Amino acid sequence: MLGDSIIIKERIKPVYWERGGNFNLSIQQVSLSNWNAGGVSNMAFNTGLVMFANFKKDKIIWDTKLTANFGFNRISERRFKTRKTNDNFIFITKYGRELSPSWYLSTQVDARTQMLAGYRYFRPAGAEEDARNRISDLLAPAYLQSSTGLNYRKEYDNKDKISLIASPFTGRFTVVLDDSLSNAGAFGVIPGEMVRAEAGISFSSTTDIQLLENIRWRADMNLFSNFEKLGNFVVNFNSVVSMKINRYITTRIETVLIYDESVFIQQEEGPPRQAVQLQNMINFGIGIDF
C-alpha cells in the first residue's frame, strides 16, 4: 500500500524448459565455359540442424539434443555426378537426479545413424570410368547406447556448459538392417545377424564454451569399451567451432573422428583394415539461431 494506491506485484512464473537450436546452410557453385586455365563446373551444398530441449525442476534434469547434417557435391564431368560428402543423425537424451550440487545420477540414451546410402567410389584397373559399391545405408549401421552412471554437470553465468558422465553399466547395440551388408558381417555383426549386443563401460562428455566474443565451441565425445576387451575403446568425437560475422552470416569448422576396431575400411591398395575415420569441413554461409 502506497498512500491511496495499491501496488500489486505479478508473480513470476517459473521457467522449467529451455528450448532452441541452430540451422546452417552453405552453397558453392562454379560454372566454367571455354575456361583456358582448366577445371570443371561443380556445385557443393552443406546443411545442418541442431535442436535442443532442456528441462530442470527441483532436483530433476532432462536434456535432449538432436543433430542432423547433410551435404553433397556435384561435378558434371564424371560418372555418378552427385556424391554425398556429409550425412549423420545423432539423438542424445539424458535424465538425471541431483545427488549434490553439480553431481547427478543420470541415465543417457545415445542413438546414431545416417539418412542415405553411402558408396565407395573407385576406378577399376583398365577402366575409363569410376565404379562404386554400397558400403552403408539408413540404419545400416545404427548405434544405440544406453548408460547409467555418475554425471558431473556445471553451468556458468555466461551460459557455458560442461557435462561429464562415467558409466560402469552400459549396453551398446549395433544395428545393420540391410540384408547384403548383414550377410557380409559389416560393422562387426555376425554374418546373417542384424543386431550385435555388447555390455561394457562408457565415458561421455558435452562441452559448450564461448572461446571469444563471436566464437563458440560445441563438442561431444563418447567412449565405449566392451567388458570382453577392456581398454579397447570405440571413439565418437564431434566438434563444431562457430565464428559469427553478424546475426546471419557464420563460419563453421566441423570435425568428426570415429574409431571402431570392428569396422574395417577398404583401402586404395591391399585388404580392408582398421583405421581412424576423420572428417573435417569448413563452411561459410547462413547460420540462424532460434
Protein backbone atom coordinates (compact mmCIF):
# COMPACT_ATOMS: atom_id res chain seq x y z
CA MET A 1 0.00 0.00 0.00
CA LEU A 2 1.44 3.37 -1.01
CA GLY A 3 -0.81 6.29 0.07
CA ASP A 4 -4.18 5.72 -1.61
CA SER A 5 -2.65 3.37 -4.21
CA ILE A 6 -2.29 -0.37 -4.09
CA ILE A 7 0.78 -1.85 -5.78
CA ILE A 8 0.32 -5.42 -6.92
CA LYS A 9 3.41 -7.34 -7.98
CA GLU A 10 2.74 -10.01 -10.55
CA ARG A 11 4.03 -13.39 -9.52
CA ILE A 12 6.86 -14.53 -11.80
CA LYS A 13 6.10 -17.93 -13.26
CA PRO A 14 8.97 -20.40 -13.01
CA VAL A 15 10.54 -21.49 -16.30
CA TYR A 16 11.42 -25.17 -16.40
CA TRP A 17 12.09 -25.63 -20.13
CA GLU A 18 14.85 -24.14 -22.25
CA ARG A 19 14.45 -24.74 -25.99
CA GLY A 20 16.38 -23.63 -29.04
CA GLY A 21 18.56 -24.62 -31.94
CA ASN A 22 20.60 -23.62 -34.96
CA PHE A 23 20.21 -24.00 -38.71
CA ASN A 24 23.12 -23.52 -41.11
CA LEU A 25 23.39 -23.60 -44.89
CA SER A 26 26.31 -23.14 -47.26
CA ILE A 27 26.33 -23.41 -51.07
CA GLN A 28 29.23 -23.18 -53.50
CA GLN A 29 28.77 -23.08 -57.28
CA VAL A 30 31.41 -22.83 -60.01
CA SER A 31 30.41 -22.60 -63.69
CA LEU A 32 33.08 -22.74 -66.42
CA SER A 33 32.76 -22.31 -70.16
CA ASN A 34 35.74 -22.25 -72.52
CA TRP A 35 37.96 -21.74 -69.48
CA ASN A 36 41.56 -21.92 -70.67
CA ALA A 37 43.06 -22.35 -67.19
CA GLY A 38 41.30 -25.70 -66.82
CA GLY A 39 38.88 -27.05 -64.23
CA VAL A 40 35.31 -28.35 -64.20
CA SER A 41 31.96 -26.90 -63.27
CA ASN A 42 30.78 -28.04 -59.85
CA MET A 43 28.37 -27.34 -57.03
CA ALA A 44 28.66 -28.12 -53.31
CA PHE A 45 25.86 -27.97 -50.73
CA ASN A 46 26.01 -28.49 -46.98
CA THR A 47 23.36 -28.00 -44.32
CA GLY A 48 22.90 -28.80 -40.66
CA LEU A 49 20.21 -28.60 -37.99
CA VAL A 50 20.63 -28.70 -34.21
CA MET A 51 17.67 -28.64 -31.81
CA PHE A 52 17.68 -28.97 -28.04
CA ALA A 53 15.15 -29.05 -25.20
CA ASN A 54 16.39 -28.95 -21.60
CA PHE A 55 14.20 -29.39 -18.52
CA LYS A 56 15.18 -28.56 -14.94
CA LYS A 57 12.92 -28.58 -11.91
CA ASP A 58 13.97 -29.01 -8.28
CA LYS A 59 16.43 -31.94 -8.38
CA ILE A 60 15.42 -33.31 -11.78
CA ILE A 61 17.13 -32.61 -15.12
CA TRP A 62 16.29 -33.88 -18.59
CA ASP A 63 18.44 -32.75 -21.53
CA THR A 64 17.69 -33.72 -25.14
CA LYS A 65 19.63 -32.82 -28.30
CA LEU A 66 19.08 -33.71 -31.96
CA THR A 67 21.75 -33.12 -34.63
CA ALA A 68 21.30 -33.77 -38.36
CA ASN A 69 23.80 -32.87 -41.10
CA PHE A 70 23.77 -33.46 -44.84
CA GLY A 71 25.96 -32.40 -47.75
CA PHE A 72 26.85 -33.34 -51.30
CA ASN A 73 28.89 -32.15 -54.25
CA ARG A 74 28.14 -32.41 -57.96
CA ILE A 75 30.70 -32.40 -60.75
CA SER A 76 29.22 -32.58 -64.22
CA GLU A 77 32.16 -34.23 -66.00
CA ARG A 78 32.24 -37.54 -64.18
CA ARG A 79 30.18 -40.69 -63.74
CA PHE A 80 27.97 -40.62 -60.62
CA LYS A 81 27.88 -36.82 -60.79
CA THR A 82 26.30 -36.29 -57.37
CA ARG A 83 28.16 -37.73 -54.38
CA LYS A 84 27.44 -37.45 -50.69
CA THR A 85 30.01 -35.64 -48.54
CA ASN A 86 28.26 -35.40 -45.17
CA ASP A 87 25.45 -37.41 -43.60
CA ASN A 88 24.78 -38.07 -39.94
CA PHE A 89 21.88 -38.18 -37.50
CA ILE A 90 22.54 -38.05 -33.74
CA PHE A 91 19.96 -38.11 -30.94
CA ILE A 92 21.06 -37.86 -27.30
CA THR A 93 18.76 -37.66 -24.29
CA LYS A 94 19.80 -37.67 -20.63
CA TYR A 95 17.69 -37.89 -17.47
CA GLY A 96 19.24 -37.23 -14.07
CA ARG A 97 18.54 -36.69 -10.39
CA GLU A 98 20.68 -34.39 -8.27
CA LEU A 99 22.81 -36.01 -5.58
CA SER A 100 24.65 -32.82 -4.62
CA PRO A 101 25.39 -29.50 -6.38
CA SER A 102 26.87 -30.35 -9.82
CA TRP A 103 26.63 -34.13 -9.28
CA TYR A 104 23.77 -36.25 -10.65
CA LEU A 105 22.83 -39.89 -11.06
CA SER A 106 21.95 -39.99 -14.76
CA THR A 107 20.76 -42.33 -17.48
CA GLN A 108 21.67 -41.44 -21.06
CA VAL A 109 20.48 -42.82 -24.41
CA ASP A 110 22.66 -42.14 -27.45
CA ALA A 111 21.39 -43.07 -30.96
CA ARG A 112 23.37 -42.52 -34.19
CA THR A 113 22.82 -43.38 -37.85
CA GLN A 114 22.79 -41.84 -41.33
CA MET A 115 19.95 -40.88 -43.68
CA LEU A 116 21.02 -42.04 -47.15
CA ALA A 117 23.07 -44.80 -48.74
CA GLY A 118 26.85 -44.39 -48.74
CA TYR A 119 29.16 -45.59 -51.53
CA ARG A 120 32.84 -46.22 -52.07
CA TYR A 121 33.96 -44.91 -55.46
CA PHE A 122 36.92 -46.42 -57.31
CA ARG A 123 38.41 -46.81 -60.78
CA PRO A 124 38.82 -50.49 -61.77
CA ALA A 125 42.07 -51.41 -63.47
CA GLY A 126 41.88 -50.66 -67.17
CA ALA A 127 38.50 -48.91 -66.90
CA GLU A 128 37.82 -45.42 -68.18
CA GLU A 129 35.02 -44.61 -65.71
CA ASP A 130 34.52 -44.87 -61.98
CA ALA A 131 32.59 -47.69 -60.37
CA ARG A 132 31.03 -47.84 -56.92
CA ASN A 133 29.81 -50.27 -54.29
CA ARG A 134 27.39 -49.61 -51.43
CA ILE A 135 29.03 -49.70 -48.01
CA SER A 136 26.28 -48.25 -45.77
CA ASP A 137 22.65 -47.13 -45.69
CA LEU A 138 19.87 -45.86 -43.43
CA LEU A 139 20.02 -47.91 -40.18
CA ALA A 140 22.97 -49.82 -41.63
CA PRO A 141 24.68 -49.13 -39.41
CA ALA A 142 22.79 -47.61 -36.49
CA TYR A 143 24.23 -47.46 -32.99
CA LEU A 144 22.10 -47.40 -29.83
CA GLN A 145 23.80 -46.98 -26.47
CA SER A 146 22.18 -46.81 -23.04
CA SER A 147 24.24 -45.98 -19.95
CA THR A 148 23.68 -45.20 -16.27
CA GLY A 149 26.30 -43.56 -14.11
CA LEU A 150 27.61 -40.54 -12.29
CA ASN A 151 27.20 -37.20 -14.06
CA TYR A 152 29.16 -34.01 -13.32
CA ARG A 153 27.21 -31.07 -14.75
CA LYS A 154 28.22 -27.43 -14.49
CA GLU A 155 26.59 -24.29 -15.90
CA TYR A 156 28.29 -20.90 -15.72
CA ASP A 157 26.88 -17.38 -15.63
CA ASN A 158 27.96 -16.73 -19.23
CA LYS A 159 25.92 -19.81 -20.37
CA ASP A 160 28.96 -22.05 -20.78
CA LYS A 161 28.12 -25.69 -20.04
CA ILE A 162 30.17 -28.80 -19.27
CA SER A 163 28.80 -32.29 -18.66
CA LEU A 164 30.78 -35.47 -17.94
CA ILE A 165 29.29 -38.95 -17.43
CA ALA A 166 31.14 -42.07 -16.33
CA SER A 167 29.08 -45.26 -16.53
CA PRO A 168 30.11 -48.74 -15.37
CA PHE A 169 26.84 -50.14 -16.76
CA THR A 170 26.45 -49.59 -20.50
CA GLY A 171 24.63 -51.52 -23.18
CA ARG A 172 25.53 -50.94 -26.83
CA PHE A 173 23.69 -52.27 -29.86
CA THR A 174 24.97 -52.22 -33.44
CA VAL A 175 22.11 -52.50 -35.93
CA VAL A 176 22.51 -53.40 -39.63
CA LEU A 177 19.06 -53.50 -41.26
CA ASP A 178 20.31 -54.35 -44.73
CA ASP A 179 20.48 -57.95 -45.92
CA SER A 180 23.56 -57.63 -48.13
CA LEU A 181 25.60 -55.75 -45.50
CA SER A 182 24.36 -58.03 -42.72
CA ASN A 183 25.25 -61.17 -44.69
CA ALA A 184 28.74 -59.76 -45.23
CA GLY A 185 29.20 -59.25 -41.48
CA ALA A 186 29.64 -55.50 -41.89
CA PHE A 187 30.25 -53.29 -38.84
CA GLY A 188 31.06 -56.24 -36.59
CA VAL A 189 27.74 -58.10 -36.68
CA ILE A 190 27.75 -61.88 -37.07
CA PRO A 191 27.12 -62.66 -40.78
CA GLY A 192 23.38 -63.02 -41.29
CA GLU A 193 22.52 -61.28 -37.99
CA MET A 194 21.10 -57.75 -37.87
CA VAL A 195 21.91 -56.80 -34.26
CA ARG A 196 25.08 -57.08 -32.23
CA ALA A 197 24.69 -56.54 -28.47
CA GLU A 198 27.57 -55.59 -26.18
CA ALA A 199 27.94 -54.76 -22.49
CA GLY A 200 30.71 -52.59 -21.12
CA ILE A 201 31.73 -49.27 -19.63
CA SER A 202 31.46 -45.82 -21.17
CA PHE A 203 32.52 -42.22 -20.74
CA SER A 204 30.83 -39.30 -22.45
CA SER A 205 31.22 -35.55 -22.37
CA THR A 206 29.41 -32.48 -23.71
CA THR A 207 31.05 -29.08 -23.95
CA ASP A 208 29.55 -25.71 -24.91
CA ILE A 209 32.04 -22.88 -24.35
CA GLN A 210 32.38 -19.28 -25.55
CA LEU A 211 36.03 -19.03 -26.62
CA LEU A 212 35.92 -15.38 -27.73
CA GLU A 213 33.19 -12.78 -28.18
CA ASN A 214 31.95 -14.21 -31.51
CA ILE A 215 33.50 -17.68 -31.37
CA ARG A 216 31.77 -20.64 -29.72
CA TRP A 217 32.94 -24.25 -29.40
CA ARG A 218 30.48 -27.13 -29.04
CA ALA A 219 31.69 -30.72 -28.80
CA ASP A 220 30.52 -34.12 -27.67
CA MET A 221 32.59 -37.25 -27.14
CA ASN A 222 31.56 -40.84 -26.45
CA LEU A 223 33.92 -43.65 -25.46
CA PHE A 224 32.79 -47.28 -25.06
CA SER A 225 34.77 -50.36 -24.07
CA ASN A 226 33.38 -53.91 -24.15
CA PHE A 227 33.85 -55.91 -20.93
CA GLU A 228 35.47 -58.65 -23.03
CA LYS A 229 38.10 -56.23 -24.37
CA LEU A 230 38.52 -53.62 -21.64
CA GLY A 231 40.78 -50.81 -22.79
CA ASN A 232 39.86 -51.13 -26.48
CA PHE A 233 37.59 -48.13 -26.92
CA VAL A 234 35.08 -47.24 -29.59
CA VAL A 235 35.55 -43.49 -30.10
CA ASN A 236 32.99 -40.96 -31.39
CA PHE A 237 34.04 -37.30 -31.30
CA ASN A 238 32.15 -34.37 -32.84
CA SER A 239 33.37 -30.77 -32.69
CA VAL A 240 31.94 -27.53 -34.10
CA VAL A 241 33.64 -24.14 -33.86
CA SER A 242 31.24 -21.35 -34.90
CA MET A 243 32.56 -17.89 -35.77
CA LYS A 244 29.74 -15.35 -36.15
CA ILE A 245 30.33 -12.47 -38.55
CA ASN A 246 26.91 -10.96 -37.97
CA ARG A 247 23.44 -12.14 -36.98
CA TYR A 248 23.04 -14.42 -40.01
CA ILE A 249 26.50 -15.00 -41.53
CA THR A 250 28.79 -17.52 -39.89
CA THR A 251 31.85 -19.65 -40.49
CA ARG A 252 31.88 -23.17 -39.08
CA ILE A 253 34.75 -25.61 -38.63
CA GLU A 254 33.32 -29.10 -38.14
CA THR A 255 35.38 -32.14 -37.18
CA VAL A 256 34.18 -35.74 -36.78
CA LEU A 257 36.50 -38.51 -35.57
CA ILE A 258 35.42 -42.16 -35.31
CA TYR A 259 37.35 -45.27 -34.39
CA ASP A 260 35.78 -48.73 -34.08
CA GLU A 261 38.01 -51.79 -34.24
CA SER A 262 35.08 -53.88 -35.53
CA VAL A 263 34.79 -51.71 -38.65
CA PHE A 264 37.25 -52.47 -41.46
CA ILE A 265 37.88 -49.72 -44.02
CA GLN A 266 38.60 -50.58 -47.64
CA GLN A 267 41.98 -49.14 -48.69
CA GLU A 268 43.16 -47.93 -52.09
CA GLU A 269 45.57 -50.85 -52.11
CA GLY A 270 45.51 -54.05 -50.09
CA PRO A 271 42.79 -55.60 -47.93
CA PRO A 272 40.40 -53.70 -45.64
CA ARG A 273 41.85 -52.76 -42.26
CA GLN A 274 41.01 -50.96 -39.04
CA ALA A 275 41.55 -47.21 -39.35
CA VAL A 276 40.65 -43.85 -37.83
CA GLN A 277 37.77 -42.20 -39.69
CA LEU A 278 38.23 -38.43 -39.90
CA GLN A 279 36.01 -35.79 -41.48
CA ASN A 280 36.85 -32.09 -41.46
CA MET A 281 34.77 -29.33 -43.09
CA ILE A 282 34.99 -25.54 -43.22
CA ASN A 283 31.67 -23.90 -44.14
CA PHE A 284 30.90 -20.24 -44.80
CA GLY A 285 27.24 -19.38 -45.13
CA ILE A 286 23.99 -18.69 -43.33
CA GLY A 287 23.65 -19.55 -39.65
CA ILE A 288 20.40 -18.86 -37.75
CA ASP A 289 19.90 -19.39 -34.02
CA PHE A 290 16.35 -19.90 -32.76
